[in-house]
Amino acid sequence: MSLLENLFQDLLNKYNETHSIVQIHLAYQVYVDLVFLKKWNKVEFKHNQQLIYLHAVENLNNPNNYNIVIPCKSTSIWSVESIKKIFNNLNDLPIDCKSFTLGIQDDDSSISYYELSFNTGLSDPIDSLL
């Protein structure tokens, strides 16, 4: 087996009883994109009961450039409440973490990244957005 096949098999073995094959494959695709195509230095899989996500550092010389990447499909439906809930349920966050990035896979398998920050209103109550 190749390195990538081994990686996918390891993910299947680790997560197949707790997460869907779609989530496992999305996490794998985003990992491959970040590590092999974008050449990020450190990318690790993390999970909670709801999802598999990635802790990612683009450049080890700048460890403050820390990202939490949540893999999702372009057809995923998001709301401010669901985004806040997901962020609040992430594990092992750095104390200063105020944002996360959606790794959005389109139908053609391309991946786009969109950063969501608490500075853009995620920390505001829903009533204040009306």
N, C-alpha and C. Protein backbone atom coordinates (compact mmCIF):
# COMPACT_ATOMS: atom_id res chain seq x y z
N MET A 1 0.83 -1.19 0.00
CA MET A 1 0.00 0.00 0.00
C MET A 1 0.87 1.25 0.00
N SER A 2 0.36 2.28 -0.63
CA SER A 2 1.09 3.55 -0.65
C SER A 2 0.86 4.31 0.66
N LEU A 3 1.62 5.36 0.85
CA LEU A 3 1.51 6.21 2.03
C LEU A 3 0.09 6.74 2.18
N LEU A 4 -0.50 7.23 1.10
CA LEU A 4 -1.85 7.79 1.16
C LEU A 4 -2.91 6.72 1.41
N GLU A 5 -2.73 5.55 0.84
CA GLU A 5 -3.67 4.45 1.10
C GLU A 5 -3.60 4.03 2.57
N ASN A 6 -2.38 3.98 3.11
CA ASN A 6 -2.21 3.64 4.52
C ASN A 6 -2.87 4.68 5.42
N LEU A 7 -2.71 5.96 5.07
CA LEU A 7 -3.32 7.02 5.84
C LEU A 7 -4.84 6.88 5.86
N PHE A 8 -5.44 6.67 4.69
CA PHE A 8 -6.89 6.53 4.62
C PHE A 8 -7.35 5.30 5.41
N GLN A 9 -6.63 4.20 5.29
CA GLN A 9 -6.99 2.99 6.04
C GLN A 9 -6.90 3.23 7.54
N ASP A 10 -5.87 3.95 7.98
CA ASP A 10 -5.73 4.28 9.41
C ASP A 10 -6.91 5.12 9.89
N LEU A 11 -7.34 6.09 9.07
CA LEU A 11 -8.50 6.91 9.43
C LEU A 11 -9.77 6.06 9.51
N LEU A 12 -9.94 5.17 8.55
CA LEU A 12 -11.10 4.27 8.59
C LEU A 12 -11.10 3.44 9.86
N ASN A 13 -9.96 2.88 10.21
CA ASN A 13 -9.87 2.05 11.40
C ASN A 13 -10.16 2.84 12.67
N LYS A 14 -9.70 4.08 12.71
CA LYS A 14 -9.86 4.91 13.90
C LYS A 14 -11.29 5.44 14.06
N TYR A 15 -11.92 5.84 12.96
CA TYR A 15 -13.17 6.59 13.04
C TYR A 15 -14.41 5.86 12.51
N ASN A 16 -14.29 4.66 11.95
CA ASN A 16 -15.42 4.05 11.27
C ASN A 16 -16.60 3.73 12.18
N GLU A 17 -16.38 3.58 13.46
CA GLU A 17 -17.49 3.29 14.37
C GLU A 17 -18.15 4.55 14.92
N THR A 18 -17.51 5.69 14.77
CA THR A 18 -18.05 6.92 15.37
C THR A 18 -18.41 8.01 14.37
N HIS A 19 -17.89 7.92 13.16
CA HIS A 19 -18.13 8.97 12.16
C HIS A 19 -18.46 8.33 10.81
N SER A 20 -19.16 9.09 9.98
CA SER A 20 -19.57 8.56 8.68
C SER A 20 -18.38 8.47 7.73
N ILE A 21 -18.50 7.63 6.73
CA ILE A 21 -17.46 7.51 5.71
C ILE A 21 -17.27 8.84 4.98
N VAL A 22 -18.34 9.60 4.84
CA VAL A 22 -18.25 10.92 4.19
C VAL A 22 -17.35 11.85 5.00
N GLN A 23 -17.54 11.89 6.34
CA GLN A 23 -16.68 12.72 7.18
C GLN A 23 -15.23 12.26 7.13
N ILE A 24 -15.02 10.97 7.16
CA ILE A 24 -13.66 10.42 7.12
C ILE A 24 -12.99 10.81 5.80
N HIS A 25 -13.70 10.64 4.70
CA HIS A 25 -13.13 10.96 3.40
C HIS A 25 -12.87 12.46 3.25
N LEU A 26 -13.78 13.29 3.74
CA LEU A 26 -13.56 14.74 3.69
C LEU A 26 -12.32 15.15 4.47
N ALA A 27 -12.17 14.61 5.67
CA ALA A 27 -10.99 14.93 6.48
C ALA A 27 -9.72 14.50 5.76
N TYR A 28 -9.76 13.33 5.16
CA TYR A 28 -8.62 12.82 4.40
C TYR A 28 -8.30 13.74 3.22
N GLN A 29 -9.31 14.14 2.46
CA GLN A 29 -9.09 15.01 1.29
C GLN A 29 -8.49 16.35 1.70
N VAL A 30 -9.00 16.95 2.78
CA VAL A 30 -8.47 18.24 3.24
C VAL A 30 -7.03 18.06 3.73
N TYR A 31 -6.75 16.99 4.44
CA TYR A 31 -5.39 16.70 4.88
C TYR A 31 -4.43 16.61 3.69
N VAL A 32 -4.81 15.85 2.69
CA VAL A 32 -3.97 15.69 1.49
C VAL A 32 -3.74 17.05 0.84
N ASP A 33 -4.77 17.86 0.73
CA ASP A 33 -4.65 19.18 0.12
C ASP A 33 -3.67 20.06 0.91
N LEU A 34 -3.81 20.09 2.24
CA LEU A 34 -2.95 20.94 3.06
C LEU A 34 -1.50 20.47 3.08
N VAL A 35 -1.29 19.16 3.21
CA VAL A 35 0.07 18.63 3.39
C VAL A 35 0.80 18.50 2.06
N PHE A 36 0.16 17.91 1.07
CA PHE A 36 0.88 17.58 -0.16
C PHE A 36 0.78 18.66 -1.24
N LEU A 37 -0.31 19.38 -1.28
CA LEU A 37 -0.46 20.42 -2.31
C LEU A 37 -0.06 21.79 -1.79
N LYS A 38 -0.50 22.14 -0.61
CA LYS A 38 -0.20 23.46 -0.06
C LYS A 38 1.09 23.46 0.78
N LYS A 39 1.63 22.28 1.07
CA LYS A 39 2.91 22.11 1.77
C LYS A 39 2.91 22.69 3.19
N TRP A 40 1.79 22.55 3.91
CA TRP A 40 1.76 22.99 5.30
C TRP A 40 2.63 22.06 6.12
N ASN A 41 3.25 22.61 7.17
CA ASN A 41 4.24 21.87 7.94
C ASN A 41 3.68 20.88 8.94
N LYS A 42 2.58 21.21 9.60
CA LYS A 42 2.07 20.33 10.65
C LYS A 42 0.55 20.29 10.56
N VAL A 43 0.01 19.11 10.32
CA VAL A 43 -1.44 18.93 10.23
C VAL A 43 -1.78 17.65 11.00
N GLU A 44 -2.70 17.77 11.97
CA GLU A 44 -3.08 16.64 12.80
C GLU A 44 -4.59 16.47 12.81
N PHE A 45 -5.04 15.23 12.83
CA PHE A 45 -6.46 14.93 12.93
C PHE A 45 -6.91 15.02 14.38
N LYS A 46 -8.07 15.62 14.60
CA LYS A 46 -8.72 15.67 15.90
C LYS A 46 -10.19 15.31 15.67
N HIS A 47 -10.90 15.05 16.74
CA HIS A 47 -12.32 14.73 16.58
C HIS A 47 -13.09 14.99 17.86
N ASN A 48 -14.38 15.12 17.70
CA ASN A 48 -15.31 15.09 18.82
C ASN A 48 -16.47 14.20 18.39
N GLN A 49 -17.55 14.19 19.13
CA GLN A 49 -18.67 13.31 18.78
C GLN A 49 -19.30 13.67 17.44
N GLN A 50 -19.23 14.94 17.05
CA GLN A 50 -19.91 15.41 15.85
C GLN A 50 -19.08 15.33 14.58
N LEU A 51 -17.79 15.59 14.69
CA LEU A 51 -17.00 15.72 13.46
C LEU A 51 -15.53 15.42 13.64
N ILE A 52 -14.87 15.25 12.51
CA ILE A 52 -13.42 15.12 12.43
C ILE A 52 -12.92 16.46 11.90
N TYR A 53 -11.92 17.03 12.55
CA TYR A 53 -11.36 18.30 12.11
C TYR A 53 -9.85 18.23 12.18
N LEU A 54 -9.18 19.30 11.75
CA LEU A 54 -7.73 19.30 11.67
C LEU A 54 -7.14 20.47 12.43
N HIS A 55 -6.07 20.23 13.16
CA HIS A 55 -5.23 21.30 13.70
C HIS A 55 -4.10 21.46 12.68
N ALA A 56 -3.89 22.67 12.20
CA ALA A 56 -2.92 22.86 11.12
C ALA A 56 -2.07 24.10 11.36
N VAL A 57 -0.77 23.95 11.12
CA VAL A 57 0.18 25.07 11.18
C VAL A 57 0.83 25.17 9.81
N GLU A 58 0.67 26.33 9.18
CA GLU A 58 1.21 26.51 7.84
C GLU A 58 2.73 26.54 7.84
N ASN A 59 3.31 27.26 8.80
CA ASN A 59 4.75 27.46 8.82
C ASN A 59 5.24 27.30 10.26
N LEU A 60 6.11 26.33 10.51
CA LEU A 60 6.60 26.09 11.87
C LEU A 60 7.40 27.26 12.42
N ASN A 61 7.94 28.11 11.54
CA ASN A 61 8.66 29.30 12.00
C ASN A 61 7.71 30.34 12.57
N ASN A 62 6.42 30.19 12.29
CA ASN A 62 5.40 31.09 12.81
C ASN A 62 4.28 30.26 13.43
N PRO A 63 4.50 29.67 14.62
CA PRO A 63 3.50 28.80 15.22
C PRO A 63 2.21 29.53 15.59
N ASN A 64 2.22 30.86 15.58
CA ASN A 64 1.00 31.62 15.84
C ASN A 64 0.05 31.55 14.66
N ASN A 65 0.52 31.08 13.52
CA ASN A 65 -0.32 30.92 12.35
C ASN A 65 -1.01 29.56 12.42
N TYR A 66 -1.77 29.38 13.47
CA TYR A 66 -2.43 28.13 13.83
C TYR A 66 -3.84 28.15 13.27
N ASN A 67 -4.28 27.06 12.67
CA ASN A 67 -5.61 27.00 12.09
C ASN A 67 -6.34 25.75 12.54
N ILE A 68 -7.62 25.88 12.76
CA ILE A 68 -8.51 24.75 12.95
C ILE A 68 -9.30 24.67 11.66
N VAL A 69 -9.21 23.54 10.99
CA VAL A 69 -9.88 23.38 9.69
C VAL A 69 -10.98 22.33 9.84
N ILE A 70 -12.19 22.72 9.51
CA ILE A 70 -13.33 21.82 9.56
C ILE A 70 -13.72 21.45 8.14
N PRO A 71 -13.52 20.19 7.76
CA PRO A 71 -13.91 19.75 6.41
C PRO A 71 -15.43 19.72 6.27
N CYS A 72 -15.92 20.19 5.13
CA CYS A 72 -17.35 20.12 4.84
C CYS A 72 -17.58 20.14 3.33
N LYS A 73 -18.77 19.78 2.94
CA LYS A 73 -19.17 19.80 1.54
C LYS A 73 -19.71 21.19 1.19
N SER A 74 -19.65 21.57 -0.07
CA SER A 74 -20.20 22.85 -0.49
C SER A 74 -21.71 22.90 -0.34
N THR A 75 -22.33 21.74 -0.22
CA THR A 75 -23.79 21.67 -0.05
C THR A 75 -24.21 21.70 1.42
N SER A 76 -23.24 21.79 2.34
CA SER A 76 -23.57 21.83 3.76
C SER A 76 -24.37 23.08 4.08
N ILE A 77 -25.31 22.95 4.99
CA ILE A 77 -26.13 24.08 5.39
C ILE A 77 -25.64 24.55 6.76
N TRP A 78 -25.28 25.84 6.84
CA TRP A 78 -24.74 26.41 8.05
C TRP A 78 -25.64 27.53 8.55
N SER A 79 -25.66 27.70 9.86
CA SER A 79 -26.32 28.85 10.48
C SER A 79 -25.35 29.41 11.51
N VAL A 80 -25.59 30.63 11.96
CA VAL A 80 -24.72 31.21 12.98
C VAL A 80 -24.75 30.35 14.23
N GLU A 81 -25.91 29.86 14.60
CA GLU A 81 -26.03 29.01 15.78
C GLU A 81 -25.25 27.71 15.64
N SER A 82 -25.36 27.05 14.47
CA SER A 82 -24.64 25.78 14.30
C SER A 82 -23.13 25.99 14.28
N ILE A 83 -22.69 27.08 13.71
CA ILE A 83 -21.26 27.39 13.68
C ILE A 83 -20.74 27.65 15.10
N LYS A 84 -21.49 28.42 15.87
CA LYS A 84 -21.10 28.68 17.26
C LYS A 84 -21.05 27.39 18.06
N LYS A 85 -22.03 26.52 17.86
CA LYS A 85 -22.08 25.26 18.58
C LYS A 85 -20.88 24.38 18.24
N ILE A 86 -20.56 24.30 16.96
CA ILE A 86 -19.40 23.50 16.54
C ILE A 86 -18.12 24.04 17.16
N PHE A 87 -17.93 25.36 17.10
CA PHE A 87 -16.72 25.95 17.65
C PHE A 87 -16.61 25.67 19.15
N ASN A 88 -17.72 25.80 19.86
CA ASN A 88 -17.70 25.58 21.31
C ASN A 88 -17.44 24.13 21.68
N ASN A 89 -17.67 23.20 20.76
CA ASN A 89 -17.45 21.77 21.03
C ASN A 89 -16.12 21.24 20.53
N LEU A 90 -15.27 22.09 19.96
CA LEU A 90 -13.97 21.63 19.51
C LEU A 90 -13.08 21.35 20.71
N ASN A 91 -12.22 20.34 20.58
CA ASN A 91 -11.33 19.93 21.67
C ASN A 91 -9.92 20.48 21.44
N ASP A 92 -9.18 20.65 22.53
CA ASP A 92 -7.75 20.99 22.49
C ASP A 92 -7.47 22.29 21.75
N LEU A 93 -8.27 23.32 21.99
CA LEU A 93 -8.03 24.59 21.31
C LEU A 93 -6.96 25.39 22.03
N PRO A 94 -6.14 26.11 21.25
CA PRO A 94 -5.20 27.04 21.90
C PRO A 94 -6.02 28.12 22.62
N ILE A 95 -5.51 28.61 23.70
CA ILE A 95 -6.25 29.55 24.53
C ILE A 95 -6.65 30.81 23.76
N ASP A 96 -5.85 31.22 22.78
CA ASP A 96 -6.11 32.46 22.05
C ASP A 96 -6.87 32.24 20.74
N CYS A 97 -7.37 31.06 20.52
CA CYS A 97 -8.01 30.74 19.25
C CYS A 97 -9.37 31.44 19.15
N LYS A 98 -9.53 32.30 18.15
CA LYS A 98 -10.77 33.05 17.97
C LYS A 98 -11.40 32.82 16.61
N SER A 99 -10.90 31.83 15.87
CA SER A 99 -11.45 31.59 14.54
C SER A 99 -11.22 30.14 14.14
N PHE A 100 -11.92 29.75 13.09
CA PHE A 100 -11.64 28.47 12.46
C PHE A 100 -11.90 28.61 10.98
N THR A 101 -11.43 27.62 10.23
CA THR A 101 -11.51 27.66 8.78
C THR A 101 -12.35 26.49 8.29
N LEU A 102 -13.27 26.77 7.40
CA LEU A 102 -14.01 25.70 6.74
C LEU A 102 -13.20 25.27 5.52
N GLY A 103 -12.92 23.98 5.41
CA GLY A 103 -12.31 23.41 4.21
C GLY A 103 -13.46 22.86 3.37
N ILE A 104 -13.90 23.63 2.39
CA ILE A 104 -15.13 23.35 1.66
C ILE A 104 -14.82 22.61 0.36
N GLN A 105 -15.27 21.36 0.29
CA GLN A 105 -15.05 20.55 -0.92
C GLN A 105 -16.24 20.72 -1.86
N ASP A 106 -15.95 21.11 -3.10
CA ASP A 106 -16.99 21.28 -4.11
C ASP A 106 -17.26 19.95 -4.81
N ASP A 107 -18.27 19.93 -5.66
CA ASP A 107 -18.64 18.70 -6.39
C ASP A 107 -17.50 18.17 -7.26
N ASP A 108 -16.62 19.07 -7.73
CA ASP A 108 -15.51 18.62 -8.57
C ASP A 108 -14.28 18.22 -7.74
N SER A 109 -14.45 18.13 -6.42
CA SER A 109 -13.42 17.75 -5.45
C SER A 109 -12.40 18.84 -5.14
N SER A 110 -12.54 20.02 -5.75
CA SER A 110 -11.66 21.12 -5.38
C SER A 110 -12.02 21.58 -3.96
N ILE A 111 -11.03 22.13 -3.26
CA ILE A 111 -11.25 22.56 -1.88
C ILE A 111 -10.93 24.04 -1.77
N SER A 112 -11.88 24.78 -1.23
CA SER A 112 -11.71 26.20 -0.94
C SER A 112 -11.73 26.37 0.57
N TYR A 113 -11.04 27.40 1.05
CA TYR A 113 -10.95 27.63 2.48
C TYR A 113 -11.58 28.98 2.81
N TYR A 114 -12.40 28.98 3.86
CA TYR A 114 -13.10 30.18 4.27
C TYR A 114 -12.98 30.30 5.79
N GLU A 115 -12.33 31.37 6.24
CA GLU A 115 -12.11 31.55 7.67
C GLU A 115 -13.29 32.28 8.31
N LEU A 116 -13.73 31.74 9.44
CA LEU A 116 -14.77 32.37 10.24
C LEU A 116 -14.15 32.80 11.56
N SER A 117 -14.40 34.05 11.94
CA SER A 117 -13.77 34.62 13.12
C SER A 117 -14.82 35.15 14.08
N PHE A 118 -14.49 35.09 15.36
CA PHE A 118 -15.38 35.68 16.35
C PHE A 118 -15.43 37.20 16.19
N ASN A 119 -14.46 37.77 15.51
CA ASN A 119 -14.48 39.21 15.25
C ASN A 119 -15.51 39.58 14.19
N THR A 120 -16.09 38.58 13.52
CA THR A 120 -17.09 38.87 12.50
C THR A 120 -18.51 38.60 13.00
N GLY A 121 -18.68 38.50 14.32
CA GLY A 121 -20.02 38.39 14.87
C GLY A 121 -20.38 37.07 15.47
N LEU A 122 -19.51 36.08 15.43
CA LEU A 122 -19.86 34.77 16.00
C LEU A 122 -20.07 34.84 17.50
N SER A 123 -19.45 35.80 18.17
CA SER A 123 -19.60 35.87 19.61
C SER A 123 -20.83 36.68 20.01
N ASP A 124 -21.45 37.37 19.07
CA ASP A 124 -22.64 38.16 19.38
C ASP A 124 -23.85 37.26 19.50
N PRO A 125 -24.73 37.55 20.46
CA PRO A 125 -25.96 36.77 20.53
C PRO A 125 -26.79 36.95 19.26
N ILE A 126 -27.58 35.96 18.93
CA ILE A 126 -28.41 36.00 17.73
C ILE A 126 -29.28 37.25 17.74
N ASP A 127 -29.86 37.60 18.89
CA ASP A 127 -30.76 38.75 18.97
C ASP A 127 -30.08 40.04 18.52
N SER A 128 -28.77 40.16 18.77
CA SER A 128 -28.08 41.40 18.38
C SER A 128 -27.85 41.47 16.88
N LEU A 129 -28.01 40.34 16.18
CA LEU A 129 -27.82 40.35 14.73
C LEU A 129 -29.09 40.75 13.99
N LEU A 130 -30.21 40.81 14.68
CA LEU A 130 -31.50 41.13 14.06
C LEU A 130 -31.71 42.62 13.94
